[in-house]
Amino acid sequence: MMAWMLLIGVVAGLRTLTPLAAVSWAAHLGWVPVQGTWLSFLAASITPYLVTVLALAELVADKLPTTPSRKAPVGFGARIVSAALCGGALGAASGAIFIGFLLGGIGAVIGTLGGAALRTRLAQAFGKDFPAALLEDVLAIATAIVVVCVARNIH
C-alpha cells in the first residue's frame, strides 16, 4: 500500500484537488476506511461533493494564463497538504496514517516538480500549453481513480 500512498501524492503534484476528490469519494463509499480517525471528515456526506466541485474548478483555472505556477509557495504547500491527507487516508486501515502523510507529501514534491517539467516539454512539443494541460488532467484523473480502486480491493 505504501507505493499507492506515494502515487496519490504524485497525483496531488499534478492537480491539488483531484486526488482529494477521489479519496473522499472512496472514503464516503467505504472503500478507504477512515472511520474512527480524525480523517473521517473525508467520508462525510458533503465532503466528496464539495471537493469534486472545487476539483472541477481547479481543472478550469489551471488553463487560465493568470494562474500562478504550481511551484509558487502557496500552491506547492497546498499540494503537499492535499497529498498528505490522501496518503494518510490510504494508510488509515493499516494504522499507517503518519507513513501515509509522509509518503503523500514526498509524492507531492515529486509530482509538482516532475509534472511541471513534463508539462513544459509537452507544451513545447505541441507548440502550445492547452493540449499539454489536458493530457495532464487525464493523467491525474485516471491515476487517482486507479489508486482508489486498488485501495478498495486491498481493504
C-alpha atoms as a PDB file:
ATOM      1  CA  MET A   1       0.000   0.000   0.000  1.00  0.00           C
ATOM      2  CA  MET A   2       2.969   2.314   0.522  1.00  0.00           C
ATOM      3  CA  ALA A   3       3.547   2.713  -3.215  1.00  0.00           C
ATOM      4  CA  TRP A   4      -0.075   3.834  -3.602  1.00  0.00           C
ATOM      5  CA  MET A   5       0.379   6.418  -0.830  1.00  0.00           C
ATOM      6  CA  LEU A   6       3.335   7.831  -2.730  1.00  0.00           C
ATOM      7  CA  LEU A   7       1.491   7.709  -6.060  1.00  0.00           C
ATOM      8  CA  ILE A   8      -1.558   9.587  -4.751  1.00  0.00           C
ATOM      9  CA  GLY A   9       0.911  12.256  -3.649  1.00  0.00           C
ATOM     10  CA  VAL A  10       2.363  12.424  -7.149  1.00  0.00           C
ATOM     11  CA  VAL A  11      -1.173  12.994  -8.448  1.00  0.00           C
ATOM     12  CA  ALA A  12      -1.589  15.893  -5.998  1.00  0.00           C
ATOM     13  CA  GLY A  13       1.565  17.354  -7.520  1.00  0.00           C
ATOM     14  CA  LEU A  14      -0.245  17.378 -10.857  1.00  0.00           C
ATOM     15  CA  ARG A  15      -3.636  18.597  -9.606  1.00  0.00           C
ATOM     16  CA  THR A  16      -4.111  19.621  -5.980  1.00  0.00           C
ATOM     17  CA  LEU A  17      -7.746  18.632  -5.541  1.00  0.00           C
ATOM     18  CA  THR A  18      -8.221  15.716  -7.938  1.00  0.00           C
ATOM     19  CA  PRO A  19      -6.771  13.083  -5.585  1.00  0.00           C
ATOM     20  CA  LEU A  20      -8.584  14.624  -2.625  1.00  0.00           C
ATOM     21  CA  ALA A  21     -11.880  14.274  -4.507  1.00  0.00           C
ATOM     22  CA  ALA A  22     -11.106  10.666  -5.443  1.00  0.00           C
ATOM     23  CA  VAL A  23     -10.059   9.703  -1.913  1.00  0.00           C
ATOM     24  CA  SER A  24     -13.046  11.486  -0.426  1.00  0.00           C
ATOM     25  CA  TRP A  25     -15.418   9.561  -2.700  1.00  0.00           C
ATOM     26  CA  ALA A  26     -13.613   6.328  -1.825  1.00  0.00           C
ATOM     27  CA  ALA A  27     -13.906   7.105   1.895  1.00  0.00           C
ATOM     28  CA  HIS A  28     -17.568   8.054   1.521  1.00  0.00           C
ATOM     29  CA  LEU A  29     -18.253   4.764  -0.274  1.00  0.00           C
ATOM     30  CA  GLY A  30     -16.364   2.798   2.385  1.00  0.00           C
ATOM     31  CA  TRP A  31     -13.533   1.799   0.062  1.00  0.00           C
ATOM     32  CA  VAL A  32     -10.982   3.668   2.177  1.00  0.00           C
ATOM     33  CA  PRO A  33     -11.835   3.105   5.840  1.00  0.00           C
ATOM     34  CA  VAL A  34     -11.190   6.348   7.708  1.00  0.00           C
ATOM     35  CA  GLN A  35     -13.950   5.963  10.301  1.00  0.00           C
ATOM     36  CA  GLY A  36     -12.683   6.369  13.825  1.00  0.00           C
ATOM     37  CA  THR A  37      -9.769   8.568  12.728  1.00  0.00           C
ATOM     38  CA  TRP A  38      -9.562  12.320  12.532  1.00  0.00           C
ATOM     39  CA  LEU A  39      -9.629  11.863   8.737  1.00  0.00           C
ATOM     40  CA  SER A  40     -13.246  10.700   8.949  1.00  0.00           C
ATOM     41  CA  PHE A  41     -14.318  14.121   7.655  1.00  0.00           C
ATOM     42  CA  LEU A  42     -13.270  12.833   4.221  1.00  0.00           C
ATOM     43  CA  ALA A  43     -16.154  10.338   4.343  1.00  0.00           C
ATOM     44  CA  ALA A  44     -18.785  12.879   5.451  1.00  0.00           C
ATOM     45  CA  SER A  45     -21.836  13.189   3.224  1.00  0.00           C
ATOM     46  CA  ILE A  46     -20.990  16.652   1.891  1.00  0.00           C
ATOM     47  CA  THR A  47     -17.210  16.302   1.511  1.00  0.00           C
ATOM     48  CA  PRO A  48     -16.960  14.389  -1.788  1.00  0.00           C
ATOM     49  CA  TYR A  49     -19.457  16.712  -3.467  1.00  0.00           C
ATOM     50  CA  LEU A  50     -17.739  19.862  -2.213  1.00  0.00           C
ATOM     51  CA  VAL A  51     -14.230  18.681  -3.097  1.00  0.00           C
ATOM     52  CA  THR A  52     -15.387  17.479  -6.528  1.00  0.00           C
ATOM     53  CA  VAL A  53     -16.794  20.924  -7.350  1.00  0.00           C
ATOM     54  CA  LEU A  54     -13.544  22.511  -6.213  1.00  0.00           C
ATOM     55  CA  ALA A  55     -11.509  19.983  -8.225  1.00  0.00           C
ATOM     56  CA  LEU A  56     -13.527  20.772 -11.363  1.00  0.00           C
ATOM     57  CA  ALA A  57     -12.961  24.490 -10.788  1.00  0.00           C
ATOM     58  CA  GLU A  58      -9.238  23.775 -10.440  1.00  0.00           C
ATOM     59  CA  LEU A  59      -9.225  21.956 -13.782  1.00  0.00           C
ATOM     60  CA  VAL A  60     -10.663  25.085 -15.417  1.00  0.00           C
ATOM     61  CA  ALA A  61      -8.484  27.560 -13.501  1.00  0.00           C
ATOM     62  CA  ASP A  62      -5.350  25.622 -14.416  1.00  0.00           C
ATOM     63  CA  LYS A  63      -5.794  26.614 -18.063  1.00  0.00           C
ATOM     64  CA  LEU A  64      -6.022  30.360 -17.360  1.00  0.00           C
ATOM     65  CA  PRO A  65      -2.968  32.461 -18.215  1.00  0.00           C
ATOM     66  CA  THR A  66      -3.157  34.256 -14.845  1.00  0.00           C
ATOM     67  CA  THR A  67      -2.893  31.048 -12.802  1.00  0.00           C
ATOM     68  CA  PRO A  68       0.330  31.070 -10.771  1.00  0.00           C
ATOM     69  CA  SER A  69       2.964  28.395 -11.096  1.00  0.00           C
ATOM     70  CA  ARG A  70       2.398  25.178  -9.176  1.00  0.00           C
ATOM     71  CA  LYS A  71       5.871  25.766  -7.758  1.00  0.00           C
ATOM     72  CA  ALA A  72       4.840  29.042  -6.079  1.00  0.00           C
ATOM     73  CA  PRO A  73       4.881  28.637  -2.272  1.00  0.00           C
ATOM     74  CA  VAL A  74       1.097  28.682  -1.676  1.00  0.00           C
ATOM     75  CA  GLY A  75       0.301  26.242  -4.484  1.00  0.00           C
ATOM     76  CA  PHE A  76       3.215  23.977  -3.631  1.00  0.00           C
ATOM     77  CA  GLY A  77       2.176  23.928   0.023  1.00  0.00           C
ATOM     78  CA  ALA A  78      -1.444  23.162  -0.855  1.00  0.00           C
ATOM     79  CA  ARG A  79      -0.311  20.214  -2.978  1.00  0.00           C
ATOM     80  CA  ILE A  80       1.736  18.830  -0.096  1.00  0.00           C
ATOM     81  CA  VAL A  81      -1.169  19.192   2.352  1.00  0.00           C
ATOM     82  CA  SER A  82      -3.622  17.570  -0.061  1.00  0.00           C
ATOM     83  CA  ALA A  83      -1.192  14.726  -0.739  1.00  0.00           C
ATOM     84  CA  ALA A  84      -0.510  14.180   2.946  1.00  0.00           C
ATOM     85  CA  LEU A  85      -4.244  13.939   3.700  1.00  0.00           C
ATOM     86  CA  CYS A  86      -4.760  11.489   0.833  1.00  0.00           C
ATOM     87  CA  GLY A  87      -1.745   9.375   1.766  1.00  0.00           C
ATOM     88  CA  GLY A  88      -2.839   9.342   5.394  1.00  0.00           C
ATOM     89  CA  ALA A  89      -6.331   8.224   4.434  1.00  0.00           C
ATOM     90  CA  LEU A  90      -4.920   5.372   2.364  1.00  0.00           C
ATOM     91  CA  GLY A  91      -2.782   4.348   5.317  1.00  0.00           C
ATOM     92  CA  ALA A  92      -5.593   4.572   7.884  1.00  0.00           C
ATOM     93  CA  ALA A  93      -6.804   0.973   7.526  1.00  0.00           C
ATOM     94  CA  SER A  94      -3.385  -0.422   8.337  1.00  0.00           C
ATOM     95  CA  GLY A  95      -2.638   2.073  11.091  1.00  0.00           C
ATOM     96  CA  ALA A  96      -0.067   3.823   8.911  1.00  0.00           C
ATOM     97  CA  ILE A  97      -1.556   7.318   8.836  1.00  0.00           C
ATOM     98  CA  PHE A  98       1.750   9.015   9.631  1.00  0.00           C
ATOM     99  CA  ILE A  99       3.599   6.969   6.991  1.00  0.00           C
ATOM    100  CA  GLY A 100       0.843   7.938   4.548  1.00  0.00           C
ATOM    101  CA  PHE A 101       1.276  11.624   5.402  1.00  0.00           C
ATOM    102  CA  LEU A 102       4.982  11.361   4.813  1.00  0.00           C
ATOM    103  CA  LEU A 103       4.803   9.343   1.586  1.00  0.00           C
ATOM    104  CA  GLY A 104       1.973  11.501   0.235  1.00  0.00           C
ATOM    105  CA  GLY A 105       3.986  14.649   0.905  1.00  0.00           C
ATOM    106  CA  ILE A 106       7.088  13.220  -0.753  1.00  0.00           C
ATOM    107  CA  GLY A 107       4.951  12.189  -3.724  1.00  0.00           C
ATOM    108  CA  ALA A 108       3.596  15.739  -3.983  1.00  0.00           C
ATOM    109  CA  VAL A 109       7.107  17.159  -4.259  1.00  0.00           C
ATOM    110  CA  ILE A 110       7.934  14.621  -6.973  1.00  0.00           C
ATOM    111  CA  GLY A 111       4.662  15.265  -8.805  1.00  0.00           C
ATOM    112  CA  THR A 112       4.908  19.039  -8.556  1.00  0.00           C
ATOM    113  CA  LEU A 113       8.435  19.300  -9.889  1.00  0.00           C
ATOM    114  CA  GLY A 114       8.174  16.393 -12.323  1.00  0.00           C
ATOM    115  CA  GLY A 115       4.726  17.471 -13.523  1.00  0.00           C
ATOM    116  CA  ALA A 116       5.938  20.998 -14.233  1.00  0.00           C
ATOM    117  CA  ALA A 117       8.891  19.681 -16.218  1.00  0.00           C
ATOM    118  CA  LEU A 118       6.727  17.214 -18.132  1.00  0.00           C
ATOM    119  CA  ARG A 119       4.096  19.818 -18.962  1.00  0.00           C
ATOM    120  CA  THR A 120       6.770  22.234 -20.183  1.00  0.00           C
ATOM    121  CA  ARG A 121       8.190  19.579 -22.509  1.00  0.00           C
ATOM    122  CA  LEU A 122       4.741  18.580 -23.763  1.00  0.00           C
ATOM    123  CA  ALA A 123       3.780  22.218 -24.358  1.00  0.00           C
ATOM    124  CA  GLN A 124       6.969  22.702 -26.359  1.00  0.00           C
ATOM    125  CA  ALA A 125       6.217  19.572 -28.395  1.00  0.00           C
ATOM    126  CA  PHE A 126       2.632  20.704 -29.090  1.00  0.00           C
ATOM    127  CA  GLY A 127       3.621  24.307 -29.648  1.00  0.00           C
ATOM    128  CA  LYS A 128       1.073  25.395 -27.027  1.00  0.00           C
ATOM    129  CA  ASP A 129       0.188  24.668 -23.429  1.00  0.00           C
ATOM    130  CA  PHE A 130      -3.509  23.765 -23.662  1.00  0.00           C
ATOM    131  CA  PRO A 131      -3.130  20.222 -25.063  1.00  0.00           C
ATOM    132  CA  ALA A 132      -0.370  19.518 -22.550  1.00  0.00           C
ATOM    133  CA  ALA A 133      -2.644  20.702 -19.735  1.00  0.00           C
ATOM    134  CA  LEU A 134      -5.462  18.448 -20.935  1.00  0.00           C
ATOM    135  CA  LEU A 135      -3.143  15.438 -21.051  1.00  0.00           C
ATOM    136  CA  GLU A 136      -2.015  16.231 -17.534  1.00  0.00           C
ATOM    137  CA  ASP A 137      -5.682  16.393 -16.440  1.00  0.00           C
ATOM    138  CA  VAL A 138      -6.373  12.971 -17.940  1.00  0.00           C
ATOM    139  CA  LEU A 139      -3.269  11.502 -16.312  1.00  0.00           C
ATOM    140  CA  ALA A 140      -4.177  12.929 -12.894  1.00  0.00           C
ATOM    141  CA  ILE A 141      -7.817  11.810 -13.020  1.00  0.00           C
ATOM    142  CA  ALA A 142      -7.055   8.337 -14.343  1.00  0.00           C
ATOM    143  CA  THR A 143      -4.272   7.732 -11.844  1.00  0.00           C
ATOM    144  CA  ALA A 144      -6.394   8.919  -8.910  1.00  0.00           C
ATOM    145  CA  ILE A 145      -9.186   6.556  -9.970  1.00  0.00           C
ATOM    146  CA  VAL A 146      -6.784   3.630 -10.297  1.00  0.00           C
ATOM    147  CA  VAL A 147      -5.307   4.301  -6.851  1.00  0.00           C
ATOM    148  CA  VAL A 148      -8.683   4.375  -5.075  1.00  0.00           C
ATOM    149  CA  CYS A 149      -9.868   1.290  -6.966  1.00  0.00           C
ATOM    150  CA  VAL A 150      -6.740  -0.561  -5.880  1.00  0.00           C
ATOM    151  CA  ALA A 151      -7.293   0.668  -2.311  1.00  0.00           C
ATOM    152  CA  ARG A 152     -10.829  -0.715  -2.458  1.00  0.00           C
ATOM    153  CA  ASN A 153      -9.523  -4.123  -3.440  1.00  0.00           C
ATOM    154  CA  ILE A 154      -6.837  -4.117  -0.744  1.00  0.00           C
ATOM    155  CA  HIS A 155      -9.253  -3.296   2.079  1.00  0.00           C
END
